[in-house]
Each structure stands twice: as structure tokens, then as C-alpha cells.
Amino acid sequence: MLHYAIVFLVIALIAGVLGFGGIAGTAVGIAKILFFVFLILFVVSLIFGRRKL
């Protein structure tokens, strides 16, 4: 999931350089959402992932 966030961020940077503001804004929004979902899942997996029995 982090990979997709980075891909959308690169797409946003390229679109921004080329002058496509709408596409860049959308790609940045998607990248932010995917990054925060990744962070939430990462923290949850750290908390609940290692249970010692």
C-alpha cells in the first residue's frame, strides 16, 4: 500500500510540473489517503501483531 502512495505522489509531481493542476491535486489526495491508511494498519499490526503465548 505504501508503494501505491509513492506511485501516486510521483504522478502528482509529474503532473504538477507539466501544468495539470487538477490531476496533480487528485493524485496528491489519493496518495495522502493511502499513506494514512498504511500508517494506521502499520500501527495496528505493531500493537496486535506480536502476541506471545
PDB file of N, CA and C in Angstrom:
ATOM      1  N   MET A   1       0.834  -1.188   0.000  1.00  0.00           N
ATOM      2  CA  MET A   1       0.000   0.000   0.000  1.00  0.00           C
ATOM      3  C   MET A   1       0.881   1.254   0.000  1.00  0.00           C
ATOM      4  N   LEU A   2       1.974   1.169   0.686  1.00  0.00           N
ATOM      5  CA  LEU A   2       2.897   2.299   0.680  1.00  0.00           C
ATOM      6  C   LEU A   2       3.445   2.522  -0.726  1.00  0.00           C
ATOM      7  N   HIS A   3       3.617   1.443  -1.454  1.00  0.00           N
ATOM      8  CA  HIS A   3       4.087   1.542  -2.835  1.00  0.00           C
ATOM      9  C   HIS A   3       3.118   2.366  -3.678  1.00  0.00           C
ATOM     10  N   TYR A   4       1.821   2.109  -3.539  1.00  0.00           N
ATOM     11  CA  TYR A   4       0.813   2.857  -4.305  1.00  0.00           C
ATOM     12  C   TYR A   4       0.800   4.334  -3.906  1.00  0.00           C
ATOM     13  N   ALA A   5       0.996   4.613  -2.639  1.00  0.00           N
ATOM     14  CA  ALA A   5       1.040   6.004  -2.193  1.00  0.00           C
ATOM     15  C   ALA A   5       2.219   6.738  -2.837  1.00  0.00           C
ATOM     16  N   ILE A   6       3.356   6.068  -2.910  1.00  0.00           N
ATOM     17  CA  ILE A   6       4.526   6.679  -3.540  1.00  0.00           C
ATOM     18  C   ILE A   6       4.300   6.863  -5.027  1.00  0.00           C
ATOM     19  N   VAL A   7       3.657   5.880  -5.671  1.00  0.00           N
ATOM     20  CA  VAL A   7       3.368   5.991  -7.107  1.00  0.00           C
ATOM     21  C   VAL A   7       2.461   7.183  -7.380  1.00  0.00           C
ATOM     22  N   PHE A   8       1.402   7.343  -6.593  1.00  0.00           N
ATOM     23  CA  PHE A   8       0.509   8.476  -6.792  1.00  0.00           C
ATOM     24  C   PHE A   8       1.203   9.802  -6.501  1.00  0.00           C
ATOM     25  N   LEU A   9       2.120   9.815  -5.551  1.00  0.00           N
ATOM     26  CA  LEU A   9       2.874  11.031  -5.272  1.00  0.00           C
ATOM     27  C   LEU A   9       3.769  11.402  -6.454  1.00  0.00           C
ATOM     28  N   VAL A  10       4.409  10.426  -7.058  1.00  0.00           N
ATOM     29  CA  VAL A  10       5.241  10.689  -8.235  1.00  0.00           C
ATOM     30  C   VAL A  10       4.385  11.173  -9.398  1.00  0.00           C
ATOM     31  N   ILE A  11       3.217  10.557  -9.585  1.00  0.00           N
ATOM     32  CA  ILE A  11       2.296  11.007 -10.635  1.00  0.00           C
ATOM     33  C   ILE A  11       1.888  12.459 -10.388  1.00  0.00           C
ATOM     34  N   ALA A  12       1.627  12.798  -9.136  1.00  0.00           N
ATOM     35  CA  ALA A  12       1.238  14.164  -8.804  1.00  0.00           C
ATOM     36  C   ALA A  12       2.372  15.142  -9.084  1.00  0.00           C
ATOM     37  N   LEU A  13       3.590  14.763  -8.757  1.00  0.00           N
ATOM     38  CA  LEU A  13       4.728  15.643  -9.012  1.00  0.00           C
ATOM     39  C   LEU A  13       4.930  15.867 -10.508  1.00  0.00           C
ATOM     40  N   ILE A  14       4.834  14.802 -11.286  1.00  0.00           N
ATOM     41  CA  ILE A  14       4.996  14.932 -12.736  1.00  0.00           C
ATOM     42  C   ILE A  14       3.874  15.771 -13.326  1.00  0.00           C
ATOM     43  N   ALA A  15       2.640  15.517 -12.896  1.00  0.00           N
ATOM     44  CA  ALA A  15       1.503  16.287 -13.411  1.00  0.00           C
ATOM     45  C   ALA A  15       1.622  17.760 -13.007  1.00  0.00           C
ATOM     46  N   GLY A  16       2.110  18.018 -11.813  1.00  0.00           N
ATOM     47  CA  GLY A  16       2.293  19.404 -11.373  1.00  0.00           C
ATOM     48  C   GLY A  16       3.339  20.141 -12.189  1.00  0.00           C
ATOM     49  N   VAL A  17       4.425  19.447 -12.510  1.00  0.00           N
ATOM     50  CA  VAL A  17       5.483  20.058 -13.319  1.00  0.00           C
ATOM     51  C   VAL A  17       4.968  20.353 -14.732  1.00  0.00           C
ATOM     52  N   LEU A  18       4.146  19.455 -15.262  1.00  0.00           N
ATOM     53  CA  LEU A  18       3.631  19.637 -16.614  1.00  0.00           C
ATOM     54  C   LEU A  18       2.440  20.587 -16.684  1.00  0.00           C
ATOM     55  N   GLY A  19       1.932  21.021 -15.543  1.00  0.00           N
ATOM     56  CA  GLY A  19       0.871  22.015 -15.538  1.00  0.00           C
ATOM     57  C   GLY A  19      -0.537  21.471 -15.437  1.00  0.00           C
ATOM     58  N   PHE A  20      -0.678  20.215 -15.114  1.00  0.00           N
ATOM     59  CA  PHE A  20      -2.005  19.627 -14.951  1.00  0.00           C
ATOM     60  C   PHE A  20      -2.397  19.704 -13.474  1.00  0.00           C
ATOM     61  N   GLY A  21      -2.945  20.836 -13.072  1.00  0.00           N
ATOM     62  CA  GLY A  21      -3.239  21.072 -11.660  1.00  0.00           C
ATOM     63  C   GLY A  21      -4.315  20.172 -11.096  1.00  0.00           C
ATOM     64  N   GLY A  22      -5.359  19.921 -11.863  1.00  0.00           N
ATOM     65  CA  GLY A  22      -6.451  19.081 -11.373  1.00  0.00           C
ATOM     66  C   GLY A  22      -6.026  17.647 -11.146  1.00  0.00           C
ATOM     67  N   ILE A  23      -5.278  17.125 -12.084  1.00  0.00           N
ATOM     68  CA  ILE A  23      -4.789  15.746 -11.955  1.00  0.00           C
ATOM     69  C   ILE A  23      -3.800  15.654 -10.798  1.00  0.00           C
ATOM     70  N   ALA A  24      -2.953  16.653 -10.661  1.00  0.00           N
ATOM     71  CA  ALA A  24      -1.970  16.651  -9.577  1.00  0.00           C
ATOM     72  C   ALA A  24      -2.659  16.703  -8.214  1.00  0.00           C
ATOM     73  N   GLY A  25      -3.684  17.538  -8.102  1.00  0.00           N
ATOM     74  CA  GLY A  25      -4.411  17.635  -6.839  1.00  0.00           C
ATOM     75  C   GLY A  25      -5.102  16.341  -6.474  1.00  0.00           C
ATOM     76  N   THR A  26      -5.701  15.696  -7.466  1.00  0.00           N
ATOM     77  CA  THR A  26      -6.368  14.419  -7.224  1.00  0.00           C
ATOM     78  C   THR A  26      -5.370  13.342  -6.821  1.00  0.00           C
ATOM     79  N   ALA A  27      -4.244  13.291  -7.506  1.00  0.00           N
ATOM     80  CA  ALA A  27      -3.230  12.284  -7.191  1.00  0.00           C
ATOM     81  C   ALA A  27      -2.648  12.510  -5.796  1.00  0.00           C
ATOM     82  N   VAL A  28      -2.458  13.751  -5.414  1.00  0.00           N
ATOM     83  CA  VAL A  28      -1.960  14.038  -4.062  1.00  0.00           C
ATOM     84  C   VAL A  28      -2.985  13.611  -3.014  1.00  0.00           C
ATOM     85  N   GLY A  29      -4.254  13.869  -3.277  1.00  0.00           N
ATOM     86  CA  GLY A  29      -5.298  13.445  -2.343  1.00  0.00           C
ATOM     87  C   GLY A  29      -5.329  11.941  -2.171  1.00  0.00           C
ATOM     88  N   ILE A  30      -5.218  11.205  -3.273  1.00  0.00           N
ATOM     89  CA  ILE A  30      -5.196   9.745  -3.194  1.00  0.00           C
ATOM     90  C   ILE A  30      -3.955   9.270  -2.458  1.00  0.00           C
ATOM     91  N   ALA A  31      -2.815   9.889  -2.727  1.00  0.00           N
ATOM     92  CA  ALA A  31      -1.571   9.495  -2.053  1.00  0.00           C
ATOM     93  C   ALA A  31      -1.664   9.730  -0.550  1.00  0.00           C
ATOM     94  N   LYS A  32      -2.277  10.846  -0.141  1.00  0.00           N
ATOM     95  CA  LYS A  32      -2.433  11.122   1.294  1.00  0.00           C
ATOM     96  C   LYS A  32      -3.323  10.083   1.962  1.00  0.00           C
ATOM     97  N   ILE A  33      -4.430   9.763   1.320  1.00  0.00           N
ATOM     98  CA  ILE A  33      -5.353   8.773   1.889  1.00  0.00           C
ATOM     99  C   ILE A  33      -4.661   7.424   2.029  1.00  0.00           C
ATOM    100  N   LEU A  34      -3.975   6.974   0.979  1.00  0.00           N
ATOM    101  CA  LEU A  34      -3.291   5.683   1.040  1.00  0.00           C
ATOM    102  C   LEU A  34      -2.185   5.682   2.088  1.00  0.00           C
ATOM    103  N   PHE A  35      -1.480   6.792   2.238  1.00  0.00           N
ATOM    104  CA  PHE A  35      -0.412   6.860   3.228  1.00  0.00           C
ATOM    105  C   PHE A  35      -0.972   6.766   4.642  1.00  0.00           C
ATOM    106  N   PHE A  36      -2.068   7.467   4.915  1.00  0.00           N
ATOM    107  CA  PHE A  36      -2.639   7.409   6.257  1.00  0.00           C
ATOM    108  C   PHE A  36      -3.261   6.047   6.554  1.00  0.00           C
ATOM    109  N   VAL A  37      -3.847   5.409   5.558  1.00  0.00           N
ATOM    110  CA  VAL A  37      -4.350   4.046   5.753  1.00  0.00           C
ATOM    111  C   VAL A  37      -3.180   3.110   6.053  1.00  0.00           C
ATOM    112  N   PHE A  38      -2.074   3.279   5.335  1.00  0.00           N
ATOM    113  CA  PHE A  38      -0.881   2.479   5.603  1.00  0.00           C
ATOM    114  C   PHE A  38      -0.392   2.694   7.030  1.00  0.00           C
ATOM    115  N   LEU A  39      -0.325   3.953   7.473  1.00  0.00           N
ATOM    116  CA  LEU A  39       0.142   4.225   8.833  1.00  0.00           C
ATOM    117  C   LEU A  39      -0.746   3.586   9.881  1.00  0.00           C
ATOM    118  N   ILE A  40      -2.065   3.686   9.688  1.00  0.00           N
ATOM    119  CA  ILE A  40      -2.997   3.096  10.645  1.00  0.00           C
ATOM    120  C   ILE A  40      -2.831   1.586  10.703  1.00  0.00           C
ATOM    121  N   LEU A  41      -2.759   0.943   9.533  1.00  0.00           N
ATOM    122  CA  LEU A  41      -2.590  -0.509   9.512  1.00  0.00           C
ATOM    123  C   LEU A  41      -1.236  -0.920  10.087  1.00  0.00           C
ATOM    124  N   PHE A  42      -0.207  -0.123   9.870  1.00  0.00           N
ATOM    125  CA  PHE A  42       1.113  -0.429  10.414  1.00  0.00           C
ATOM    126  C   PHE A  42       1.108  -0.372  11.937  1.00  0.00           C
ATOM    127  N   VAL A  43       0.495   0.666  12.493  1.00  0.00           N
ATOM    128  CA  VAL A  43       0.443   0.795  13.949  1.00  0.00           C
ATOM    129  C   VAL A  43      -0.393  -0.322  14.560  1.00  0.00           C
ATOM    130  N   VAL A  44      -1.509  -0.649  13.939  1.00  0.00           N
ATOM    131  CA  VAL A  44      -2.352  -1.737  14.444  1.00  0.00           C
ATOM    132  C   VAL A  44      -1.596  -3.060  14.392  1.00  0.00           C
ATOM    133  N   SER A  45      -0.849  -3.298  13.321  1.00  0.00           N
ATOM    134  CA  SER A  45      -0.091  -4.543  13.236  1.00  0.00           C
ATOM    135  C   SER A  45       1.044  -4.580  14.257  1.00  0.00           C
ATOM    136  N   LEU A  46       1.618  -3.426  14.582  1.00  0.00           N
ATOM    137  CA  LEU A  46       2.643  -3.402  15.628  1.00  0.00           C
ATOM    138  C   LEU A  46       2.053  -3.720  16.990  1.00  0.00           C
ATOM    139  N   ILE A  47       0.863  -3.213  17.250  1.00  0.00           N
ATOM    140  CA  ILE A  47       0.246  -3.418  18.557  1.00  0.00           C
ATOM    141  C   ILE A  47      -0.277  -4.839  18.707  1.00  0.00           C
ATOM    142  N   PHE A  48      -0.986  -5.333  17.699  1.00  0.00           N
ATOM    143  CA  PHE A  48      -1.655  -6.621  17.817  1.00  0.00           C
ATOM    144  C   PHE A  48      -0.936  -7.753  17.085  1.00  0.00           C
ATOM    145  N   GLY A  49       0.126  -7.478  16.390  1.00  0.00           N
ATOM    146  CA  GLY A  49       0.757  -8.494  15.557  1.00  0.00           C
ATOM    147  C   GLY A  49       1.594  -9.498  16.314  1.00  0.00           C
ATOM    148  N   ARG A  50       2.247  -9.077  17.360  1.00  0.00           N
ATOM    149  CA  ARG A  50       3.160  -9.955  18.094  1.00  0.00           C
ATOM    150  C   ARG A  50       2.562 -10.325  19.445  1.00  0.00           C
ATOM    151  N   ARG A  51       1.842 -11.412  19.457  1.00  0.00           N
ATOM    152  CA  ARG A  51       1.289 -11.891  20.740  1.00  0.00           C
ATOM    153  C   ARG A  51       2.099 -13.085  21.194  1.00  0.00           C
ATOM    154  N   LYS A  52       2.627 -12.994  22.373  1.00  0.00           N
ATOM    155  CA  LYS A  52       3.381 -14.096  22.945  1.00  0.00           C
ATOM    156  C   LYS A  52       2.433 -14.965  23.775  1.00  0.00           C
ATOM    157  N   LEU A  53       2.417 -16.247  23.446  1.00  0.00           N
ATOM    158  CA  LEU A  53       1.546 -17.170  24.192  1.00  0.00           C
ATOM    159  C   LEU A  53       2.342 -18.021  25.143  1.00  0.00           C
TER     160      LEU A  53
END
